[in-house]
C-alpha cells in the first residue's frame, strides 16, 4: 500500500498531515508527502543552482523547501520517522533533484520503511496526476481546498482513491458514514472503512439509500455483508436504511460529525462531466472529510 499526502502550506496543511499519518499507520503504508509549488522559471533554477554550488553560505533556497522542512518537523514530533533521522535534522543539503521540477528527501519510517518528502513545481493537478501515475499510489490525501474545481478534477482524473480532508476538526468525535449499495465499488469501500475505523478508533454507520420504498435484494445483501465484516473486525457498526435521493441523504445524515466513505462512480469522465456522479455531488456539498474509494 502506498499513500500520497499533498500539503500546500504550513498554515493550513496540519489537518491533512494529521489525517494522513493516521491512515498511513492503519495501512502500514509507504508514505510520501508532496508539496506542489509554482513553476520555477529557467532563470530561477540557474540562480538556485549557482547559489548551491558556489555560495553555500547564502540562505537562499527554492520556494517550497520551508514546507518540506515543516513536514519533517511534524513527522519527527509524531515519531513517524526513525530517531537517527530526527537527530540529524532536515537534510537540506542532501536533497535529490530530478529533471528540474522534482526534488526528494528519503527517510526511514517507524511504521513503514519508506517515508519520502517531495517538492514538485508546476500546475498542481498535472503534477499530482503525474506523481500518482508514475509512482502508483493507492490513496491520495488532499486538503479541503476552497478551489472547488481542484478536488473535482482530482477525483475524476487521478487514478487512486482520494481522501479529501474537508473541514476536519481534530477535537471532533467522528463516526464513519459508509455508503453501501450493490455497486461494484462497495466491497472495496467497506474494506477501506474497516481500516479507517481502526485508525481513528470510531464506530461506523452503514447507510443504504433507496429511491423507492422497496429495498432491492442486492442492497440488502450488500448491507448484510458490510455488517458481518465490521463485526468480525471488532468494529461497532449499525445499519441505517433511508428512502430518498442518495447524494442529498448522505450529505444530510453526515452533517459535520462523520467521515464519509463511498465507492467511486463507474461512469466515464465524459458522462460525469455532463451528468455528474453521486460521489462528486456528495463531495461538493458535504461539510466533513470524505474518502472516495477507487
C-alpha atoms as a PDB file:
ATOM      1  CA  UNK A   1       0.000   0.000   0.000  1.00  0.00           C
ATOM      2  CA  UNK A   2       1.326   3.451  -0.964  1.00  0.00           C
ATOM      3  CA  UNK A   3      -0.141   6.737   0.255  1.00  0.00           C
ATOM      4  CA  UNK A   4       0.466  10.244  -1.120  1.00  0.00           C
ATOM      5  CA  UNK A   5      -0.275  13.193   1.196  1.00  0.00           C
ATOM      6  CA  UNK A   6      -0.483  16.533  -0.620  1.00  0.00           C
ATOM      7  CA  UNK A   7       0.303  19.601   1.502  1.00  0.00           C
ATOM      8  CA  UNK A   8       0.255  23.225   0.439  1.00  0.00           C
ATOM      9  CA  UNK A   9       1.307  25.410   3.350  1.00  0.00           C
ATOM     10  CA  UNK A  10       2.423  25.339   6.962  1.00  0.00           C
ATOM     11  CA  UNK A  11      -0.649  27.361   7.960  1.00  0.00           C
ATOM     12  CA  UNK A  12      -3.402  25.155   6.516  1.00  0.00           C
ATOM     13  CA  UNK A  13      -1.991  21.664   5.978  1.00  0.00           C
ATOM     14  CA  UNK A  14      -1.699  20.387   9.565  1.00  0.00           C
ATOM     15  CA  UNK A  15      -5.161  18.674   9.474  1.00  0.00           C
ATOM     16  CA  UNK A  16      -4.268  16.972   6.171  1.00  0.00           C
ATOM     17  CA  UNK A  17      -0.987  15.685   7.587  1.00  0.00           C
ATOM     18  CA  UNK A  18      -2.694  14.640  10.840  1.00  0.00           C
ATOM     19  CA  UNK A  19      -5.274  12.526   8.981  1.00  0.00           C
ATOM     20  CA  UNK A  20      -2.698  11.240   6.505  1.00  0.00           C
ATOM     21  CA  UNK A  21      -0.415   9.882   9.203  1.00  0.00           C
ATOM     22  CA  UNK A  22      -3.316   8.127  10.959  1.00  0.00           C
ATOM     23  CA  UNK A  23      -4.376   6.480   7.704  1.00  0.00           C
ATOM     24  CA  UNK A  24      -0.794   5.550   6.834  1.00  0.00           C
ATOM     25  CA  UNK A  25      -0.393   3.874  10.235  1.00  0.00           C
ATOM     26  CA  UNK A  26      -3.639   1.944   9.757  1.00  0.00           C
ATOM     27  CA  UNK A  27      -2.489   0.579   6.393  1.00  0.00           C
ATOM     28  CA  UNK A  28       1.230   0.251   7.321  1.00  0.00           C
ATOM     29  CA  UNK A  29       1.683   2.144   4.078  1.00  0.00           C
ATOM     30  CA  UNK A  30       4.726   3.605   2.385  1.00  0.00           C
ATOM     31  CA  UNK A  31       4.136   7.331   2.736  1.00  0.00           C
ATOM     32  CA  UNK A  32       5.064  10.261   0.519  1.00  0.00           C
ATOM     33  CA  UNK A  33       4.368  13.885   1.384  1.00  0.00           C
ATOM     34  CA  UNK A  34       4.352  16.228  -1.591  1.00  0.00           C
ATOM     35  CA  UNK A  35       4.161  19.990  -1.920  1.00  0.00           C
ATOM     36  CA  UNK A  36       3.432  21.367  -5.375  1.00  0.00           C
ATOM     37  CA  UNK A  37       4.839  24.878  -5.712  1.00  0.00           C
ATOM     38  CA  UNK A  38       4.695  27.357  -8.524  1.00  0.00           C
ATOM     39  CA  UNK A  39       6.646  26.512 -11.643  1.00  0.00           C
ATOM     40  CA  UNK A  40      10.269  27.568 -11.255  1.00  0.00           C
ATOM     41  CA  UNK A  41      11.500  29.632 -14.180  1.00  0.00           C
ATOM     42  CA  UNK A  42      14.674  28.665 -16.018  1.00  0.00           C
ATOM     43  CA  UNK A  43      16.359  31.783 -14.627  1.00  0.00           C
ATOM     44  CA  UNK A  44      15.384  30.905 -11.020  1.00  0.00           C
ATOM     45  CA  UNK A  45      16.605  27.338 -11.453  1.00  0.00           C
ATOM     46  CA  UNK A  46      20.005  28.600 -12.642  1.00  0.00           C
ATOM     47  CA  UNK A  47      20.225  31.060  -9.752  1.00  0.00           C
ATOM     48  CA  UNK A  48      19.392  28.360  -7.195  1.00  0.00           C
ATOM     49  CA  UNK A  49      21.935  26.018  -8.800  1.00  0.00           C
ATOM     50  CA  UNK A  50      24.676  28.631  -8.716  1.00  0.00           C
ATOM     51  CA  UNK A  51      23.831  29.509  -5.147  1.00  0.00           C
ATOM     52  CA  UNK A  52      24.024  25.882  -4.016  1.00  0.00           C
ATOM     53  CA  UNK A  53      27.234  25.268  -5.969  1.00  0.00           C
ATOM     54  CA  UNK A  54      29.283  28.394  -5.241  1.00  0.00           C
ATOM     55  CA  UNK A  55      27.724  30.305  -2.396  1.00  0.00           C
ATOM     56  CA  UNK A  56      26.513  27.721   0.092  1.00  0.00           C
ATOM     57  CA  UNK A  57      26.659  30.243   2.919  1.00  0.00           C
ATOM     58  CA  UNK A  58      23.758  32.199   1.391  1.00  0.00           C
ATOM     59  CA  UNK A  59      20.364  31.487   2.935  1.00  0.00           C
ATOM     60  CA  UNK A  60      18.682  31.385  -0.483  1.00  0.00           C
ATOM     61  CA  UNK A  61      16.561  28.363  -1.207  1.00  0.00           C
ATOM     62  CA  UNK A  62      13.990  27.074  -3.637  1.00  0.00           C
ATOM     63  CA  UNK A  63      10.361  28.051  -2.876  1.00  0.00           C
ATOM     64  CA  UNK A  64       8.601  25.230  -1.025  1.00  0.00           C
ATOM     65  CA  UNK A  65      11.639  23.915   0.868  1.00  0.00           C
ATOM     66  CA  UNK A  66      10.249  25.550   4.031  1.00  0.00           C
ATOM     67  CA  UNK A  67       7.053  23.463   3.673  1.00  0.00           C
ATOM     68  CA  UNK A  68       9.081  20.235   3.429  1.00  0.00           C
ATOM     69  CA  UNK A  69      11.104  21.292   6.463  1.00  0.00           C
ATOM     70  CA  UNK A  70       7.873  21.924   8.390  1.00  0.00           C
ATOM     71  CA  UNK A  71       6.543  18.491   7.319  1.00  0.00           C
ATOM     72  CA  UNK A  72       9.802  16.891   8.510  1.00  0.00           C
ATOM     73  CA  UNK A  73       9.382  18.558  11.929  1.00  0.00           C
ATOM     74  CA  UNK A  74       5.774  17.322  12.104  1.00  0.00           C
ATOM     75  CA  UNK A  75       6.845  13.749  11.332  1.00  0.00           C
ATOM     76  CA  UNK A  76       9.606  13.990  13.933  1.00  0.00           C
ATOM     77  CA  UNK A  77       7.168  15.264  16.566  1.00  0.00           C
ATOM     78  CA  UNK A  78       4.823  12.318  15.874  1.00  0.00           C
ATOM     79  CA  UNK A  79       7.811   9.894  15.878  1.00  0.00           C
ATOM     80  CA  UNK A  80       6.836   8.718  12.394  1.00  0.00           C
ATOM     81  CA  UNK A  81      10.492   8.616  11.288  1.00  0.00           C
ATOM     82  CA  UNK A  82      13.474   6.799  12.799  1.00  0.00           C
ATOM     83  CA  UNK A  83      15.346   8.567  15.665  1.00  0.00           C
ATOM     84  CA  UNK A  84      18.624   8.825  13.750  1.00  0.00           C
ATOM     85  CA  UNK A  85      16.933  10.949  11.075  1.00  0.00           C
ATOM     86  CA  UNK A  86      15.312  13.145  13.715  1.00  0.00           C
ATOM     87  CA  UNK A  87      18.672  13.711  15.412  1.00  0.00           C
ATOM     88  CA  UNK A  88      20.354  14.584  12.107  1.00  0.00           C
ATOM     89  CA  UNK A  89      17.665  17.162  11.303  1.00  0.00           C
ATOM     90  CA  UNK A  90      16.141  18.129   7.974  1.00  0.00           C
ATOM     91  CA  UNK A  91      18.694  17.117   5.287  1.00  0.00           C
ATOM     92  CA  UNK A  92      18.540  20.330   3.305  1.00  0.00           C
ATOM     93  CA  UNK A  93      21.977  19.785   1.799  1.00  0.00           C
ATOM     94  CA  UNK A  94      21.277  16.281   0.507  1.00  0.00           C
ATOM     95  CA  UNK A  95      18.093  16.864  -1.495  1.00  0.00           C
ATOM     96  CA  UNK A  96      17.910  14.698  -4.612  1.00  0.00           C
ATOM     97  CA  UNK A  97      16.784  16.609  -7.709  1.00  0.00           C
ATOM     98  CA  UNK A  98      15.156  15.092 -10.788  1.00  0.00           C
ATOM     99  CA  UNK A  99      14.585  16.895 -14.109  1.00  0.00           C
ATOM    100  CA  UNK A 100      14.447  20.364 -12.548  1.00  0.00           C
ATOM    101  CA  UNK A 101      10.900  20.111 -11.200  1.00  0.00           C
ATOM    102  CA  UNK A 102      11.008  17.342  -8.599  1.00  0.00           C
ATOM    103  CA  UNK A 103      13.268  17.089  -5.549  1.00  0.00           C
ATOM    104  CA  UNK A 104      13.158  14.354  -2.910  1.00  0.00           C
ATOM    105  CA  UNK A 105      14.179  13.562   0.654  1.00  0.00           C
ATOM    106  CA  UNK A 106      14.379   9.844   1.521  1.00  0.00           C
ATOM    107  CA  UNK A 107      13.723   8.819   5.137  1.00  0.00           C
ATOM    108  CA  UNK A 108      13.099   5.592   7.033  1.00  0.00           C
ATOM    109  CA  UNK A 109       9.834   5.399   8.935  1.00  0.00           C
ATOM    110  CA  UNK A 110       8.897   3.788  12.238  1.00  0.00           C
ATOM    111  CA  UNK A 111       5.622   2.402  10.850  1.00  0.00           C
ATOM    112  CA  UNK A 112       6.768   1.714   7.286  1.00  0.00           C
ATOM    113  CA  UNK A 113      10.184   1.508   5.650  1.00  0.00           C
ATOM    114  CA  UNK A 114       9.738   4.311   3.143  1.00  0.00           C
ATOM    115  CA  UNK A 115       8.843   7.890   4.047  1.00  0.00           C
ATOM    116  CA  UNK A 116       9.581  10.432   1.332  1.00  0.00           C
ATOM    117  CA  UNK A 117       9.266  14.207   1.148  1.00  0.00           C
ATOM    118  CA  UNK A 118       8.854  15.598  -2.363  1.00  0.00           C
ATOM    119  CA  UNK A 119       8.696  19.084  -3.821  1.00  0.00           C
ATOM    120  CA  UNK A 120       7.307  19.424  -7.324  1.00  0.00           C
ATOM    121  CA  UNK A 121       6.860  22.629  -9.295  1.00  0.00           C
ATOM    122  CA  UNK A 122       4.122  23.340 -11.818  1.00  0.00           C
ATOM    123  CA  UNK A 123       0.341  23.059 -12.167  1.00  0.00           C
ATOM    124  CA  UNK A 124      -0.993  21.238  -9.104  1.00  0.00           C
ATOM    125  CA  UNK A 125      -3.430  18.968 -10.963  1.00  0.00           C
ATOM    126  CA  UNK A 126      -0.899  17.987 -13.625  1.00  0.00           C
ATOM    127  CA  UNK A 127       1.897  17.420 -11.098  1.00  0.00           C
ATOM    128  CA  UNK A 128      -0.225  15.303  -8.725  1.00  0.00           C
ATOM    129  CA  UNK A 129      -1.597  13.312 -11.615  1.00  0.00           C
ATOM    130  CA  UNK A 130       1.923  12.645 -12.905  1.00  0.00           C
ATOM    131  CA  UNK A 131       3.148  11.697  -9.406  1.00  0.00           C
ATOM    132  CA  UNK A 132       0.288   9.229  -8.874  1.00  0.00           C
ATOM    133  CA  UNK A 133       0.647   7.759 -12.354  1.00  0.00           C
ATOM    134  CA  UNK A 134       4.434   7.393 -12.127  1.00  0.00           C
ATOM    135  CA  UNK A 135       4.637   6.030  -8.579  1.00  0.00           C
ATOM    136  CA  UNK A 136       1.327   4.060  -8.475  1.00  0.00           C
ATOM    137  CA  UNK A 137      -0.161   5.331  -5.199  1.00  0.00           C
ATOM    138  CA  UNK A 138      -3.247   3.646  -3.769  1.00  0.00           C
ATOM    139  CA  UNK A 139      -4.612   6.661  -1.869  1.00  0.00           C
ATOM    140  CA  UNK A 140      -4.073  10.393  -2.371  1.00  0.00           C
ATOM    141  CA  UNK A 141      -4.912  12.597   0.612  1.00  0.00           C
ATOM    142  CA  UNK A 142      -5.604  16.283  -0.006  1.00  0.00           C
ATOM    143  CA  UNK A 143      -6.924  19.207   1.994  1.00  0.00           C
ATOM    144  CA  UNK A 144     -10.415  20.599   1.576  1.00  0.00           C
ATOM    145  CA  UNK A 145      -9.351  23.366  -0.779  1.00  0.00           C
ATOM    146  CA  UNK A 146     -11.646  26.306  -1.388  1.00  0.00           C
ATOM    147  CA  UNK A 147     -10.907  25.782  -5.080  1.00  0.00           C
ATOM    148  CA  UNK A 148     -13.932  23.676  -5.985  1.00  0.00           C
ATOM    149  CA  UNK A 149     -12.575  22.564  -9.350  1.00  0.00           C
ATOM    150  CA  UNK A 150      -9.353  21.203  -7.881  1.00  0.00           C
ATOM    151  CA  UNK A 151     -10.955  18.427  -5.806  1.00  0.00           C
ATOM    152  CA  UNK A 152     -13.458  17.840  -8.626  1.00  0.00           C
ATOM    153  CA  UNK A 153     -10.671  17.314 -11.189  1.00  0.00           C
ATOM    154  CA  UNK A 154      -8.562  15.204  -8.841  1.00  0.00           C
ATOM    155  CA  UNK A 155     -11.437  12.794  -8.238  1.00  0.00           C
ATOM    156  CA  UNK A 156     -12.131  12.450 -11.944  1.00  0.00           C
ATOM    157  CA  UNK A 157      -8.638  12.236 -13.366  1.00  0.00           C
ATOM    158  CA  UNK A 158      -6.291  10.854 -10.694  1.00  0.00           C
ATOM    159  CA  UNK A 159      -6.044   7.085 -10.743  1.00  0.00           C
ATOM    160  CA  UNK A 160      -6.126   6.439  -6.997  1.00  0.00           C
ATOM    161  CA  UNK A 161      -8.607   6.629  -4.158  1.00  0.00           C
ATOM    162  CA  UNK A 162      -8.996  10.224  -2.913  1.00  0.00           C
ATOM    163  CA  UNK A 163      -9.346  11.277   0.721  1.00  0.00           C
ATOM    164  CA  UNK A 164     -10.417  14.926   0.981  1.00  0.00           C
ATOM    165  CA  UNK A 165      -9.745  16.296   4.475  1.00  0.00           C
ATOM    166  CA  UNK A 166     -12.622  18.755   4.346  1.00  0.00           C
ATOM    167  CA  UNK A 167     -13.337  20.859   7.452  1.00  0.00           C
ATOM    168  CA  UNK A 168     -11.565  18.336   9.682  1.00  0.00           C
ATOM    169  CA  UNK A 169     -11.607  19.164  13.394  1.00  0.00           C
ATOM    170  CA  UNK A 170      -9.135  17.087  15.457  1.00  0.00           C
ATOM    171  CA  UNK A 171     -11.249  17.738  18.579  1.00  0.00           C
ATOM    172  CA  UNK A 172     -14.463  16.478  16.950  1.00  0.00           C
ATOM    173  CA  UNK A 173     -15.647  12.957  17.796  1.00  0.00           C
ATOM    174  CA  UNK A 174     -16.418  11.476  14.402  1.00  0.00           C
ATOM    175  CA  UNK A 175     -18.197   8.352  13.184  1.00  0.00           C
ATOM    176  CA  UNK A 176     -17.796   6.869   9.738  1.00  0.00           C
ATOM    177  CA  UNK A 177     -20.736   7.111   7.362  1.00  0.00           C
ATOM    178  CA  UNK A 178     -20.169   4.296   4.880  1.00  0.00           C
ATOM    179  CA  UNK A 179     -22.408   4.346   1.803  1.00  0.00           C
ATOM    180  CA  UNK A 180     -23.477   0.774   0.969  1.00  0.00           C
ATOM    181  CA  UNK A 181     -25.270  -0.390  -2.181  1.00  0.00           C
ATOM    182  CA  UNK A 182     -24.917  -3.081  -4.836  1.00  0.00           C
ATOM    183  CA  UNK A 183     -22.430  -1.155  -6.988  1.00  0.00           C
ATOM    184  CA  UNK A 184     -19.025  -2.732  -7.840  1.00  0.00           C
ATOM    185  CA  UNK A 185     -17.064  -0.341  -5.620  1.00  0.00           C
ATOM    186  CA  UNK A 186     -18.946  -1.001  -2.373  1.00  0.00           C
ATOM    187  CA  UNK A 187     -16.973  -4.053  -1.197  1.00  0.00           C
ATOM    188  CA  UNK A 188     -13.664  -2.245  -1.647  1.00  0.00           C
ATOM    189  CA  UNK A 189     -15.077   0.805   0.161  1.00  0.00           C
ATOM    190  CA  UNK A 190     -16.163  -1.437   3.063  1.00  0.00           C
ATOM    191  CA  UNK A 191     -12.612  -2.831   3.383  1.00  0.00           C
ATOM    192  CA  UNK A 192     -11.196   0.693   3.483  1.00  0.00           C
ATOM    193  CA  UNK A 193     -13.883   1.582   6.022  1.00  0.00           C
ATOM    194  CA  UNK A 194     -12.592  -1.117   8.369  1.00  0.00           C
ATOM    195  CA  UNK A 195      -9.042   0.279   8.273  1.00  0.00           C
ATOM    196  CA  UNK A 196     -10.110   3.896   8.735  1.00  0.00           C
ATOM    197  CA  UNK A 197     -12.399   2.952  11.633  1.00  0.00           C
ATOM    198  CA  UNK A 198      -9.476   1.161  13.271  1.00  0.00           C
ATOM    199  CA  UNK A 199      -7.155   4.119  12.632  1.00  0.00           C
ATOM    200  CA  UNK A 200      -9.476   6.599  14.347  1.00  0.00           C
ATOM    201  CA  UNK A 201     -10.955   4.086  16.824  1.00  0.00           C
ATOM    202  CA  UNK A 202     -14.522   5.052  15.908  1.00  0.00           C
ATOM    203  CA  UNK A 203     -17.834   3.390  15.029  1.00  0.00           C
ATOM    204  CA  UNK A 204     -19.473   3.050  11.637  1.00  0.00           C
ATOM    205  CA  UNK A 205     -22.948   3.865  10.309  1.00  0.00           C
ATOM    206  CA  UNK A 206     -23.636   1.658   7.270  1.00  0.00           C
ATOM    207  CA  UNK A 207     -26.024   3.759   5.205  1.00  0.00           C
ATOM    208  CA  UNK A 208     -28.120   2.246   2.406  1.00  0.00           C
ATOM    209  CA  UNK A 209     -30.331   4.691   0.490  1.00  0.00           C
ATOM    210  CA  UNK A 210     -33.070   3.635  -1.918  1.00  0.00           C
ATOM    211  CA  UNK A 211     -35.028   5.949  -4.189  1.00  0.00           C
ATOM    212  CA  UNK A 212     -38.023   3.637  -3.757  1.00  0.00           C
ATOM    213  CA  UNK A 213     -39.779   2.359  -0.650  1.00  0.00           C
ATOM    214  CA  UNK A 214     -38.791  -1.190  -1.566  1.00  0.00           C
ATOM    215  CA  UNK A 215     -35.116  -2.079  -0.963  1.00  0.00           C
ATOM    216  CA  UNK A 216     -33.936  -4.477  -3.655  1.00  0.00           C
ATOM    217  CA  UNK A 217     -32.227  -7.737  -2.772  1.00  0.00           C
ATOM    218  CA  UNK A 218     -28.789  -6.556  -3.874  1.00  0.00           C
ATOM    219  CA  UNK A 219     -28.939  -3.640  -1.408  1.00  0.00           C
ATOM    220  CA  UNK A 220     -29.924  -5.943   1.467  1.00  0.00           C
ATOM    221  CA  UNK A 221     -27.146  -8.425   0.671  1.00  0.00           C
ATOM    222  CA  UNK A 222     -24.548  -5.655   0.470  1.00  0.00           C
ATOM    223  CA  UNK A 223     -25.700  -4.216   3.817  1.00  0.00           C
ATOM    224  CA  UNK A 224     -25.545  -7.680   5.459  1.00  0.00           C
ATOM    225  CA  UNK A 225     -22.052  -8.326   4.097  1.00  0.00           C
ATOM    226  CA  UNK A 226     -20.785  -4.963   5.366  1.00  0.00           C
ATOM    227  CA  UNK A 227     -22.254  -5.522   8.842  1.00  0.00           C
ATOM    228  CA  UNK A 228     -20.677  -9.002   9.087  1.00  0.00           C
ATOM    229  CA  UNK A 229     -17.237  -7.712   8.105  1.00  0.00           C
ATOM    230  CA  UNK A 230     -17.456  -4.949  10.714  1.00  0.00           C
ATOM    231  CA  UNK A 231     -18.418  -7.445  13.425  1.00  0.00           C
ATOM    232  CA  UNK A 232     -15.571  -9.794  12.501  1.00  0.00           C
ATOM    233  CA  UNK A 233     -13.161  -6.853  12.673  1.00  0.00           C
ATOM    234  CA  UNK A 234     -14.377  -5.854  16.139  1.00  0.00           C
ATOM    235  CA  UNK A 235     -15.862  -2.546  14.978  1.00  0.00           C
ATOM    236  CA  UNK A 236     -19.087  -1.152  16.412  1.00  0.00           C
ATOM    237  CA  UNK A 237     -21.423  -0.653  13.470  1.00  0.00           C
ATOM    238  CA  UNK A 238     -25.114  -0.307  12.697  1.00  0.00           C
ATOM    239  CA  UNK A 239     -27.154  -0.499   9.505  1.00  0.00           C
ATOM    240  CA  UNK A 240     -29.214   2.529   8.533  1.00  0.00           C
ATOM    241  CA  UNK A 241     -31.827   2.315   5.756  1.00  0.00           C
ATOM    242  CA  UNK A 242     -33.253   5.521   4.255  1.00  0.00           C
ATOM    243  CA  UNK A 243     -35.522   6.379   1.317  1.00  0.00           C
ATOM    244  CA  UNK A 244     -34.703   9.432  -0.776  1.00  0.00           C
ATOM    245  CA  UNK A 245     -32.142  10.983  -3.077  1.00  0.00           C
ATOM    246  CA  UNK A 246     -28.847   9.174  -2.287  1.00  0.00           C
ATOM    247  CA  UNK A 247     -26.427  12.118  -2.529  1.00  0.00           C
ATOM    248  CA  UNK A 248     -28.658  14.509  -0.551  1.00  0.00           C
ATOM    249  CA  UNK A 249     -29.416  11.885   2.100  1.00  0.00           C
ATOM    250  CA  UNK A 250     -25.719  11.089   2.598  1.00  0.00           C
ATOM    251  CA  UNK A 251     -24.878  14.788   2.997  1.00  0.00           C
ATOM    252  CA  UNK A 252     -27.788  15.425   5.388  1.00  0.00           C
ATOM    253  CA  UNK A 253     -27.012  12.462   7.651  1.00  0.00           C
ATOM    254  CA  UNK A 254     -23.251  13.080   7.585  1.00  0.00           C
ATOM    255  CA  UNK A 255     -23.574  16.655   8.869  1.00  0.00           C
ATOM    256  CA  UNK A 256     -20.205  17.769  10.221  1.00  0.00           C
ATOM    257  CA  UNK A 257     -19.625  14.810  12.558  1.00  0.00           C
ATOM    258  CA  UNK A 258     -18.929  11.943  10.126  1.00  0.00           C
ATOM    259  CA  UNK A 259     -16.129  10.826   7.837  1.00  0.00           C
ATOM    260  CA  UNK A 260     -17.875   9.750   4.631  1.00  0.00           C
ATOM    261  CA  UNK A 261     -16.568   6.698   2.773  1.00  0.00           C
ATOM    262  CA  UNK A 262     -18.052   5.626  -0.547  1.00  0.00           C
ATOM    263  CA  UNK A 263     -17.076   3.852  -3.734  1.00  0.00           C
ATOM    264  CA  UNK A 264     -16.184   5.840  -6.841  1.00  0.00           C
ATOM    265  CA  UNK A 265     -18.590   6.195  -9.732  1.00  0.00           C
ATOM    266  CA  UNK A 266     -18.199   3.740 -12.608  1.00  0.00           C
ATOM    267  CA  UNK A 267     -19.244   6.378 -15.146  1.00  0.00           C
ATOM    268  CA  UNK A 268     -16.688   7.586 -17.678  1.00  0.00           C
ATOM    269  CA  UNK A 269     -15.186  11.083 -17.175  1.00  0.00           C
ATOM    270  CA  UNK A 270     -17.276  12.311 -20.123  1.00  0.00           C
ATOM    271  CA  UNK A 271     -20.543  11.082 -18.594  1.00  0.00           C
ATOM    272  CA  UNK A 272     -19.526  12.542 -15.222  1.00  0.00           C
ATOM    273  CA  UNK A 273     -18.923  15.910 -16.908  1.00  0.00           C
ATOM    274  CA  UNK A 274     -22.401  16.042 -18.436  1.00  0.00           C
ATOM    275  CA  UNK A 275     -24.449  14.081 -15.880  1.00  0.00           C
ATOM    276  CA  UNK A 276     -22.381  14.323 -12.705  1.00  0.00           C
ATOM    277  CA  UNK A 277     -21.950  11.463 -10.246  1.00  0.00           C
ATOM    278  CA  UNK A 278     -23.053  10.635  -6.718  1.00  0.00           C
ATOM    279  CA  UNK A 279     -19.552  10.869  -5.148  1.00  0.00           C
ATOM    280  CA  UNK A 280     -18.910  14.234  -6.838  1.00  0.00           C
ATOM    281  CA  UNK A 281     -22.283  15.576  -5.654  1.00  0.00           C
ATOM    282  CA  UNK A 282     -21.572  14.426  -2.100  1.00  0.00           C
ATOM    283  CA  UNK A 283     -18.026  15.838  -2.119  1.00  0.00           C
ATOM    284  CA  UNK A 284     -19.187  19.229  -3.338  1.00  0.00           C
ATOM    285  CA  UNK A 285     -21.986  19.580  -0.784  1.00  0.00           C
ATOM    286  CA  UNK A 286     -20.741  17.843   2.374  1.00  0.00           C
ATOM    287  CA  UNK A 287     -19.240  19.610   5.406  1.00  0.00           C
ATOM    288  CA  UNK A 288     -16.903  16.840   6.570  1.00  0.00           C
ATOM    289  CA  UNK A 289     -13.987  14.690   5.355  1.00  0.00           C
ATOM    290  CA  UNK A 290     -14.733  12.231   2.563  1.00  0.00           C
ATOM    291  CA  UNK A 291     -12.868   9.212   1.173  1.00  0.00           C
ATOM    292  CA  UNK A 292     -13.810   8.145  -2.356  1.00  0.00           C
ATOM    293  CA  UNK A 293     -12.513   4.623  -2.972  1.00  0.00           C
ATOM    294  CA  UNK A 294     -11.440   3.516  -6.448  1.00  0.00           C
END
